[in-house]
Amino acid sequence: SKRRKEAFLLLIFFGFLGVGLTKIYFQEFFSVTRLLEFIHQKRIDRAYGNLAFLAAWDVRSLPQYALFLPIGLLAGFFAPFPWQLGNLSQVSSLPEMLIFYFLTPLMVYGAIHLIKKSTIEGWIVIVYAAIVILVLSSIEGNIGTLFRHRCLVLPLFFVLIGVGMDKC
């Protein structure tokens, strides 16, 4: 439809505008080596305490980052794991995580449904959630901080879970 095409063109326009402005003001991030160095430094800065997450993993090369990324994404979605919980404040996250583990198949089903339906709204939810999880999984070096920052996309996960529940 005409509305969908206009929304898609607007999305592309703002995407190019964002990339262009980023390239102008943050030129150092348009080098893969510098970007990986930035990611590595952020991980080191944030990896502290008893919930430090793969603090010694060097992600400054593309092959090492490619090896790290699946593990980081797994932690980005599912950490803290029950065996990582130590004190009472960490144990308080257990009910939320168990419910999230239980609802994850519905979230995946909802995302698949939105991809098949191919609406611009569905793509916005999926792409935004994926980008945020990718960034958080890459730069967070502490499971507790990752857990708190993941709250940025929980509402979008709930939308996907709701779509999955509706289509089941």
N, C-alpha and C. Protein backbone atom coordinates (compact mmCIF):
# COMPACT_ATOMS: atom_id res chain seq x y z
N SER A 1 0.83 -1.18 0.00
CA SER A 1 0.00 0.00 0.00
C SER A 1 0.88 1.25 0.00
N LYS A 2 0.28 2.37 -0.30
CA LYS A 2 1.01 3.63 -0.38
C LYS A 2 1.57 4.05 0.98
N ARG A 3 0.78 3.84 2.03
CA ARG A 3 1.22 4.19 3.39
C ARG A 3 2.45 3.38 3.80
N ARG A 4 2.46 2.11 3.48
CA ARG A 4 3.58 1.24 3.82
C ARG A 4 4.84 1.67 3.08
N LYS A 5 4.71 2.01 1.80
CA LYS A 5 5.86 2.47 1.02
C LYS A 5 6.41 3.77 1.57
N GLU A 6 5.52 4.69 1.95
CA GLU A 6 5.97 5.96 2.53
C GLU A 6 6.69 5.74 3.84
N ALA A 7 6.17 4.87 4.68
CA ALA A 7 6.82 4.57 5.95
C ALA A 7 8.18 3.92 5.73
N PHE A 8 8.27 3.03 4.77
CA PHE A 8 9.53 2.35 4.46
C PHE A 8 10.56 3.36 3.95
N LEU A 9 10.15 4.26 3.05
CA LEU A 9 11.07 5.28 2.54
C LEU A 9 11.51 6.23 3.64
N LEU A 10 10.60 6.57 4.54
CA LEU A 10 10.95 7.43 5.67
C LEU A 10 11.96 6.74 6.58
N LEU A 11 11.77 5.47 6.82
CA LEU A 11 12.69 4.69 7.63
C LEU A 11 14.07 4.64 6.98
N ILE A 12 14.12 4.42 5.68
CA ILE A 12 15.39 4.40 4.97
C ILE A 12 16.06 5.78 5.04
N PHE A 13 15.28 6.84 4.84
CA PHE A 13 15.82 8.19 4.90
C PHE A 13 16.48 8.46 6.25
N PHE A 14 15.74 8.19 7.34
CA PHE A 14 16.29 8.44 8.66
C PHE A 14 17.46 7.51 8.97
N GLY A 15 17.45 6.31 8.44
CA GLY A 15 18.59 5.42 8.60
C GLY A 15 19.84 5.99 7.97
N PHE A 16 19.72 6.44 6.72
CA PHE A 16 20.87 7.05 6.04
C PHE A 16 21.29 8.34 6.73
N LEU A 17 20.33 9.12 7.19
CA LEU A 17 20.65 10.36 7.90
C LEU A 17 21.43 10.05 9.18
N GLY A 18 20.98 9.04 9.90
CA GLY A 18 21.68 8.65 11.14
C GLY A 18 23.09 8.16 10.86
N VAL A 19 23.24 7.33 9.84
CA VAL A 19 24.58 6.82 9.49
C VAL A 19 25.47 7.98 9.04
N GLY A 20 24.92 8.89 8.23
CA GLY A 20 25.70 10.02 7.75
C GLY A 20 26.16 10.92 8.89
N LEU A 21 25.26 11.26 9.80
CA LEU A 21 25.63 12.10 10.93
C LEU A 21 26.63 11.40 11.84
N THR A 22 26.44 10.09 12.03
CA THR A 22 27.39 9.33 12.84
C THR A 22 28.76 9.34 12.19
N LYS A 23 28.80 9.18 10.88
CA LYS A 23 30.08 9.17 10.17
C LYS A 23 30.77 10.53 10.28
N ILE A 24 30.01 11.61 10.27
CA ILE A 24 30.59 12.95 10.37
C ILE A 24 31.14 13.19 11.78
N TYR A 25 30.35 12.87 12.80
CA TYR A 25 30.71 13.23 14.17
C TYR A 25 31.50 12.15 14.92
N PHE A 26 31.41 10.92 14.48
CA PHE A 26 32.10 9.82 15.17
C PHE A 26 32.88 8.99 14.17
N GLN A 27 33.81 9.61 13.47
CA GLN A 27 34.54 8.93 12.42
C GLN A 27 35.36 7.75 12.94
N GLU A 28 35.77 7.80 14.21
CA GLU A 28 36.61 6.73 14.74
C GLU A 28 35.88 5.39 14.79
N PHE A 29 34.54 5.39 14.78
CA PHE A 29 33.80 4.13 14.84
C PHE A 29 33.61 3.49 13.47
N PHE A 30 34.02 4.15 12.41
CA PHE A 30 33.84 3.58 11.09
C PHE A 30 35.05 2.78 10.63
N SER A 31 35.91 2.45 11.56
CA SER A 31 37.00 1.51 11.33
C SER A 31 36.69 0.28 12.17
N VAL A 32 36.71 -0.88 11.58
CA VAL A 32 36.39 -2.11 12.31
C VAL A 32 37.35 -2.29 13.48
N THR A 33 38.62 -2.00 13.25
CA THR A 33 39.62 -2.15 14.30
C THR A 33 39.31 -1.22 15.48
N ARG A 34 38.99 0.02 15.19
CA ARG A 34 38.68 0.98 16.27
C ARG A 34 37.38 0.62 16.98
N LEU A 35 36.40 0.16 16.24
CA LEU A 35 35.14 -0.24 16.85
C LEU A 35 35.35 -1.43 17.79
N LEU A 36 36.11 -2.42 17.35
CA LEU A 36 36.38 -3.58 18.20
C LEU A 36 37.21 -3.19 19.42
N GLU A 37 38.13 -2.25 19.24
CA GLU A 37 38.90 -1.75 20.38
C GLU A 37 37.98 -1.05 21.39
N PHE A 38 37.04 -0.26 20.88
CA PHE A 38 36.06 0.41 21.73
C PHE A 38 35.22 -0.61 22.50
N ILE A 39 34.73 -1.64 21.80
CA ILE A 39 33.93 -2.69 22.44
C ILE A 39 34.74 -3.38 23.52
N HIS A 40 35.99 -3.72 23.20
CA HIS A 40 36.86 -4.40 24.17
C HIS A 40 37.07 -3.53 25.41
N GLN A 41 37.34 -2.25 25.20
CA GLN A 41 37.58 -1.35 26.33
C GLN A 41 36.34 -1.22 27.20
N LYS A 42 35.17 -1.11 26.59
CA LYS A 42 33.92 -1.02 27.36
C LYS A 42 33.70 -2.28 28.18
N ARG A 43 33.99 -3.44 27.59
CA ARG A 43 33.82 -4.70 28.33
C ARG A 43 34.76 -4.76 29.53
N ILE A 44 36.01 -4.34 29.33
CA ILE A 44 36.98 -4.35 30.43
C ILE A 44 36.53 -3.39 31.54
N ASP A 45 36.08 -2.20 31.14
CA ASP A 45 35.63 -1.21 32.12
C ASP A 45 34.46 -1.71 32.95
N ARG A 46 33.60 -2.52 32.35
CA ARG A 46 32.38 -2.96 33.03
C ARG A 46 32.51 -4.34 33.68
N ALA A 47 33.59 -5.05 33.45
CA ALA A 47 33.75 -6.40 34.00
C ALA A 47 34.35 -6.32 35.41
N TYR A 48 33.50 -6.35 36.41
CA TYR A 48 33.96 -6.25 37.79
C TYR A 48 33.06 -7.10 38.67
N GLY A 49 33.53 -7.41 39.86
CA GLY A 49 32.74 -8.13 40.84
C GLY A 49 32.63 -9.62 40.54
N ASN A 50 31.81 -10.28 41.35
CA ASN A 50 31.68 -11.73 41.20
C ASN A 50 30.81 -12.14 40.02
N LEU A 51 30.16 -11.17 39.35
CA LEU A 51 29.36 -11.48 38.17
C LEU A 51 30.03 -10.96 36.89
N ALA A 52 31.34 -10.79 36.93
CA ALA A 52 32.07 -10.40 35.72
C ALA A 52 31.88 -11.49 34.68
N PHE A 53 31.66 -11.09 33.45
CA PHE A 53 31.29 -12.01 32.39
C PHE A 53 32.38 -12.06 31.31
N LEU A 54 33.10 -13.16 31.23
CA LEU A 54 34.16 -13.37 30.24
C LEU A 54 35.08 -12.15 30.13
N ALA A 55 35.55 -11.69 31.28
CA ALA A 55 36.36 -10.48 31.34
C ALA A 55 37.68 -10.62 30.60
N ALA A 56 38.23 -11.81 30.54
CA ALA A 56 39.54 -12.00 29.92
C ALA A 56 39.45 -12.22 28.41
N TRP A 57 38.25 -12.31 27.86
CA TRP A 57 38.09 -12.57 26.43
C TRP A 57 38.45 -11.31 25.64
N ASP A 58 39.42 -11.44 24.76
CA ASP A 58 39.88 -10.33 23.93
C ASP A 58 39.05 -10.30 22.65
N VAL A 59 38.27 -9.23 22.47
CA VAL A 59 37.40 -9.12 21.29
C VAL A 59 37.93 -8.09 20.30
N ARG A 60 39.24 -7.82 20.34
CA ARG A 60 39.80 -6.78 19.47
C ARG A 60 40.05 -7.24 18.04
N SER A 61 39.90 -8.52 17.78
CA SER A 61 40.03 -9.00 16.39
C SER A 61 38.67 -9.54 15.95
N LEU A 62 38.41 -9.46 14.66
CA LEU A 62 37.12 -9.89 14.13
C LEU A 62 36.85 -11.38 14.38
N PRO A 63 37.84 -12.29 14.20
CA PRO A 63 37.56 -13.70 14.51
C PRO A 63 37.22 -13.93 15.98
N GLN A 64 37.92 -13.25 16.89
CA GLN A 64 37.62 -13.41 18.31
C GLN A 64 36.24 -12.85 18.66
N TYR A 65 35.89 -11.73 18.04
CA TYR A 65 34.56 -11.16 18.28
C TYR A 65 33.48 -12.09 17.72
N ALA A 66 33.75 -12.68 16.55
CA ALA A 66 32.78 -13.62 15.96
C ALA A 66 32.60 -14.85 16.85
N LEU A 67 33.65 -15.29 17.53
CA LEU A 67 33.52 -16.41 18.47
C LEU A 67 32.79 -15.99 19.74
N PHE A 68 33.01 -14.76 20.16
CA PHE A 68 32.38 -14.26 21.38
C PHE A 68 30.89 -13.98 21.20
N LEU A 69 30.51 -13.52 20.04
CA LEU A 69 29.15 -13.01 19.82
C LEU A 69 28.04 -14.02 20.16
N PRO A 70 28.10 -15.28 19.74
CA PRO A 70 27.01 -16.20 20.13
C PRO A 70 26.90 -16.38 21.65
N ILE A 71 28.04 -16.45 22.33
CA ILE A 71 28.02 -16.59 23.79
C ILE A 71 27.47 -15.31 24.42
N GLY A 72 27.91 -14.17 23.90
CA GLY A 72 27.41 -12.90 24.41
C GLY A 72 25.92 -12.74 24.20
N LEU A 73 25.42 -13.15 23.03
CA LEU A 73 23.97 -13.06 22.77
C LEU A 73 23.20 -14.00 23.68
N LEU A 74 23.73 -15.18 23.91
CA LEU A 74 23.08 -16.11 24.84
C LEU A 74 22.97 -15.49 26.22
N ALA A 75 24.05 -14.88 26.68
CA ALA A 75 24.00 -14.19 27.98
C ALA A 75 23.08 -12.98 27.91
N GLY A 76 23.09 -12.27 26.78
CA GLY A 76 22.24 -11.10 26.64
C GLY A 76 20.77 -11.42 26.79
N PHE A 77 20.37 -12.57 26.29
CA PHE A 77 18.97 -12.97 26.41
C PHE A 77 18.65 -13.63 27.73
N PHE A 78 19.53 -14.49 28.24
CA PHE A 78 19.14 -15.40 29.31
C PHE A 78 19.86 -15.22 30.65
N ALA A 79 20.89 -14.39 30.72
CA ALA A 79 21.60 -14.23 31.99
C ALA A 79 20.81 -13.33 32.92
N PRO A 80 20.90 -13.47 34.20
CA PRO A 80 21.73 -14.40 34.94
C PRO A 80 21.13 -15.80 34.98
N PHE A 81 22.00 -16.77 34.88
CA PHE A 81 21.57 -18.15 34.94
C PHE A 81 21.43 -18.55 36.41
N PRO A 82 20.57 -19.51 36.72
CA PRO A 82 20.33 -19.87 38.13
C PRO A 82 21.60 -20.24 38.90
N TRP A 83 22.58 -20.83 38.27
CA TRP A 83 23.80 -21.24 38.97
C TRP A 83 24.75 -20.07 39.22
N GLN A 84 24.45 -18.90 38.69
CA GLN A 84 25.30 -17.74 38.91
C GLN A 84 24.84 -16.89 40.09
N LEU A 85 23.72 -17.22 40.67
CA LEU A 85 23.16 -16.40 41.74
C LEU A 85 23.80 -16.75 43.07
N GLY A 86 24.20 -15.72 43.81
CA GLY A 86 24.90 -15.96 45.06
C GLY A 86 24.20 -15.37 46.26
N ASN A 87 23.99 -14.07 46.27
CA ASN A 87 23.38 -13.45 47.45
C ASN A 87 21.89 -13.21 47.23
N LEU A 88 21.25 -12.67 48.24
CA LEU A 88 19.80 -12.52 48.22
C LEU A 88 19.31 -11.57 47.12
N SER A 89 20.05 -10.49 46.88
CA SER A 89 19.62 -9.57 45.83
C SER A 89 19.72 -10.22 44.45
N GLN A 90 20.69 -11.10 44.26
CA GLN A 90 20.80 -11.81 42.99
C GLN A 90 19.71 -12.86 42.86
N VAL A 91 19.37 -13.52 43.95
CA VAL A 91 18.33 -14.55 43.93
C VAL A 91 16.97 -13.92 43.62
N SER A 92 16.80 -12.65 43.93
CA SER A 92 15.52 -12.00 43.66
C SER A 92 15.21 -11.90 42.17
N SER A 93 16.21 -12.07 41.31
CA SER A 93 15.97 -12.05 39.87
C SER A 93 15.49 -13.41 39.35
N LEU A 94 15.58 -14.44 40.17
CA LEU A 94 15.24 -15.79 39.72
C LEU A 94 13.80 -15.93 39.22
N PRO A 95 12.78 -15.45 39.93
CA PRO A 95 11.41 -15.61 39.40
C PRO A 95 11.24 -14.97 38.02
N GLU A 96 11.78 -13.77 37.85
CA GLU A 96 11.66 -13.10 36.55
C GLU A 96 12.33 -13.91 35.46
N MET A 97 13.51 -14.44 35.75
CA MET A 97 14.23 -15.19 34.72
C MET A 97 13.53 -16.51 34.39
N LEU A 98 12.99 -17.19 35.39
CA LEU A 98 12.29 -18.44 35.12
C LEU A 98 11.05 -18.20 34.26
N ILE A 99 10.32 -17.12 34.54
CA ILE A 99 9.16 -16.78 33.71
C ILE A 99 9.61 -16.44 32.29
N PHE A 100 10.72 -15.69 32.18
CA PHE A 100 11.24 -15.33 30.87
C PHE A 100 11.67 -16.57 30.09
N TYR A 101 12.33 -17.53 30.76
CA TYR A 101 12.71 -18.79 30.09
C TYR A 101 11.47 -19.51 29.57
N PHE A 102 10.43 -19.53 30.38
CA PHE A 102 9.20 -20.21 30.01
C PHE A 102 8.51 -19.54 28.81
N LEU A 103 8.59 -18.20 28.74
CA LEU A 103 7.90 -17.46 27.68
C LEU A 103 8.75 -17.26 26.42
N THR A 104 10.01 -17.61 26.45
CA THR A 104 10.89 -17.41 25.30
C THR A 104 10.39 -18.08 24.02
N PRO A 105 9.88 -19.32 24.06
CA PRO A 105 9.36 -19.90 22.81
C PRO A 105 8.23 -19.07 22.21
N LEU A 106 7.37 -18.49 23.06
CA LEU A 106 6.30 -17.64 22.53
C LEU A 106 6.87 -16.37 21.90
N MET A 107 7.94 -15.84 22.49
CA MET A 107 8.57 -14.65 21.92
C MET A 107 9.14 -14.97 20.54
N VAL A 108 9.81 -16.09 20.42
CA VAL A 108 10.37 -16.50 19.13
C VAL A 108 9.25 -16.72 18.12
N TYR A 109 8.19 -17.39 18.54
CA TYR A 109 7.05 -17.63 17.66
C TYR A 109 6.42 -16.31 17.20
N GLY A 110 6.29 -15.36 18.13
CA GLY A 110 5.75 -14.05 17.78
C GLY A 110 6.63 -13.31 16.79
N ALA A 111 7.94 -13.39 16.98
CA ALA A 111 8.88 -12.75 16.05
C ALA A 111 8.78 -13.39 14.67
N ILE A 112 8.70 -14.70 14.62
CA ILE A 112 8.58 -15.39 13.33
C ILE A 112 7.28 -14.98 12.63
N HIS A 113 6.21 -14.90 13.40
CA HIS A 113 4.93 -14.48 12.82
C HIS A 113 5.02 -13.07 12.24
N LEU A 114 5.64 -12.15 12.99
CA LEU A 114 5.76 -10.77 12.50
C LEU A 114 6.66 -10.68 11.26
N ILE A 115 7.68 -11.52 11.22
CA ILE A 115 8.55 -11.54 10.03
C ILE A 115 7.77 -12.04 8.82
N LYS A 116 6.99 -13.09 9.01
CA LYS A 116 6.19 -13.62 7.90
C LYS A 116 5.12 -12.63 7.46
N LYS A 117 4.53 -11.93 8.42
CA LYS A 117 3.48 -10.95 8.10
C LYS A 117 4.07 -9.72 7.41
N SER A 118 5.33 -9.43 7.71
CA SER A 118 6.10 -8.37 7.05
C SER A 118 5.45 -7.00 7.13
N THR A 119 5.10 -6.59 8.35
CA THR A 119 4.60 -5.24 8.54
C THR A 119 5.73 -4.35 9.03
N ILE A 120 5.65 -3.09 8.73
CA ILE A 120 6.70 -2.15 9.13
C ILE A 120 6.77 -2.05 10.66
N GLU A 121 5.61 -2.11 11.32
CA GLU A 121 5.59 -2.04 12.78
C GLU A 121 6.30 -3.24 13.40
N GLY A 122 6.03 -4.42 12.83
CA GLY A 122 6.69 -5.63 13.32
C GLY A 122 8.19 -5.57 13.14
N TRP A 123 8.61 -5.09 11.99
CA TRP A 123 10.05 -4.99 11.73
C TRP A 123 10.71 -3.99 12.67
N ILE A 124 10.04 -2.89 12.97
CA ILE A 124 10.61 -1.91 13.89
C ILE A 124 10.84 -2.53 15.26
N VAL A 125 9.87 -3.27 15.76
CA VAL A 125 10.01 -3.93 17.07
C VAL A 125 11.18 -4.92 17.04
N ILE A 126 11.22 -5.76 16.03
CA ILE A 126 12.25 -6.80 15.96
C ILE A 126 13.64 -6.20 15.78
N VAL A 127 13.78 -5.26 14.85
CA VAL A 127 15.11 -4.69 14.58
C VAL A 127 15.61 -3.90 15.78
N TYR A 128 14.76 -3.09 16.39
CA TYR A 128 15.19 -2.31 17.55
C TYR A 128 15.63 -3.24 18.69
N ALA A 129 14.83 -4.26 18.99
CA ALA A 129 15.18 -5.20 20.06
C ALA A 129 16.49 -5.91 19.74
N ALA A 130 16.67 -6.32 18.48
CA ALA A 130 17.90 -7.02 18.09
C ALA A 130 19.13 -6.12 18.22
N ILE A 131 19.00 -4.88 17.81
CA ILE A 131 20.15 -3.96 17.90
C ILE A 131 20.52 -3.71 19.36
N VAL A 132 19.53 -3.47 20.21
CA VAL A 132 19.82 -3.20 21.62
C VAL A 132 20.46 -4.42 22.27
N ILE A 133 19.92 -5.60 22.03
CA ILE A 133 20.50 -6.82 22.61
C ILE A 133 21.92 -7.05 22.07
N LEU A 134 22.13 -6.80 20.80
CA LEU A 134 23.47 -6.95 20.21
C LEU A 134 24.46 -6.01 20.89
N VAL A 135 24.09 -4.76 21.06
CA VAL A 135 24.98 -3.78 21.70
C VAL A 135 25.23 -4.16 23.15
N LEU A 136 24.18 -4.46 23.89
CA LEU A 136 24.35 -4.81 25.30
C LEU A 136 25.20 -6.07 25.46
N SER A 137 24.95 -7.07 24.62
CA SER A 137 25.72 -8.31 24.70
C SER A 137 27.18 -8.08 24.37
N SER A 138 27.46 -7.10 23.54
CA SER A 138 28.83 -6.83 23.13
C SER A 138 29.62 -6.04 24.17
N ILE A 139 28.99 -5.06 24.81
CA ILE A 139 29.77 -4.16 25.67
C ILE A 139 29.64 -4.41 27.16
N GLU A 140 28.61 -5.11 27.60
CA GLU A 140 28.47 -5.34 29.04
C GLU A 140 29.40 -6.45 29.49
N GLY A 141 30.14 -6.19 30.56
CA GLY A 141 31.06 -7.18 31.10
C GLY A 141 30.61 -7.72 32.44
N ASN A 142 29.43 -7.31 32.90
CA ASN A 142 28.93 -7.74 34.19
C ASN A 142 27.48 -8.21 34.01
N ILE A 143 27.20 -9.39 34.51
CA ILE A 143 25.87 -9.99 34.35
C ILE A 143 24.79 -9.15 35.02
N GLY A 144 25.08 -8.59 36.19
CA GLY A 144 24.09 -7.77 36.88
C GLY A 144 23.72 -6.52 36.08
N THR A 145 24.74 -5.87 35.52
CA THR A 145 24.48 -4.69 34.71
C THR A 145 23.73 -5.06 33.43
N LEU A 146 24.11 -6.17 32.84
CA LEU A 146 23.43 -6.66 31.64
C LEU A 146 21.96 -6.95 31.94
N PHE A 147 21.70 -7.57 33.08
CA PHE A 147 20.33 -7.88 33.50
C PHE A 147 19.50 -6.60 33.63
N ARG A 148 20.07 -5.57 34.26
CA ARG A 148 19.33 -4.31 34.44
C ARG A 148 19.14 -3.58 33.11
N HIS A 149 20.15 -3.56 32.28
CA HIS A 149 20.04 -2.85 31.00
C HIS A 149 19.14 -3.57 30.01
N ARG A 150 18.97 -4.86 30.18
CA ARG A 150 18.06 -5.60 29.30
C ARG A 150 16.62 -5.13 29.46
N CYS A 151 16.33 -4.47 30.57
CA CYS A 151 14.98 -3.91 30.78
C CYS A 151 14.61 -2.90 29.71
N LEU A 152 15.59 -2.38 28.98
CA LEU A 152 15.31 -1.47 27.88
C LEU A 152 14.44 -2.12 26.80
N VAL A 153 14.61 -3.42 26.61
CA VAL A 153 13.87 -4.09 25.54
C VAL A 153 12.80 -5.06 26.06
N LEU A 154 12.66 -5.19 27.37
CA LEU A 154 11.62 -6.09 27.88
C LEU A 154 10.23 -5.74 27.37
N PRO A 155 9.85 -4.46 27.29
CA PRO A 155 8.51 -4.18 26.74
C PRO A 155 8.35 -4.71 25.31
N LEU A 156 9.41 -4.63 24.51
CA LEU A 156 9.32 -5.16 23.15
C LEU A 156 9.25 -6.69 23.16
N PHE A 157 9.97 -7.31 24.09
CA PHE A 157 9.86 -8.75 24.23
C PHE A 157 8.43 -9.14 24.60
N PHE A 158 7.80 -8.35 25.46
CA PHE A 158 6.42 -8.63 25.85
C PHE A 158 5.46 -8.48 24.67
N VAL A 159 5.75 -7.54 23.79
CA VAL A 159 4.93 -7.41 22.57
C VAL A 159 5.06 -8.68 21.74
N LEU A 160 6.30 -9.15 21.56
CA LEU A 160 6.51 -10.38 20.78
C LEU A 160 5.86 -11.58 21.47
N ILE A 161 5.96 -11.64 22.80
CA ILE A 161 5.31 -12.73 23.54
C ILE A 161 3.79 -12.67 23.35
N GLY A 162 3.24 -11.46 23.38
CA GLY A 162 1.80 -11.30 23.18
C GLY A 162 1.37 -11.75 21.80
N VAL A 163 2.16 -11.41 20.78
CA VAL A 163 1.84 -11.87 19.42
C VAL A 163 1.92 -13.39 19.36
N GLY A 164 2.95 -13.95 20.00
CA GLY A 164 3.08 -15.41 20.02
C GLY A 164 1.91 -16.08 20.73
N MET A 165 1.44 -15.51 21.84
CA MET A 165 0.31 -16.06 22.55
C MET A 165 -0.96 -15.96 21.74
N ASP A 166 -1.12 -14.86 21.02
CA ASP A 166 -2.32 -14.65 20.22
C ASP A 166 -2.38 -15.62 19.04
N LYS A 167 -1.23 -15.94 18.47
CA LYS A 167 -1.20 -16.78 17.27
C LYS A 167 -1.04 -18.27 17.57
N CYS A 168 -0.87 -18.63 18.84
CA CYS A 168 -0.74 -20.04 19.20
C CYS A 168 -2.08 -20.76 19.14
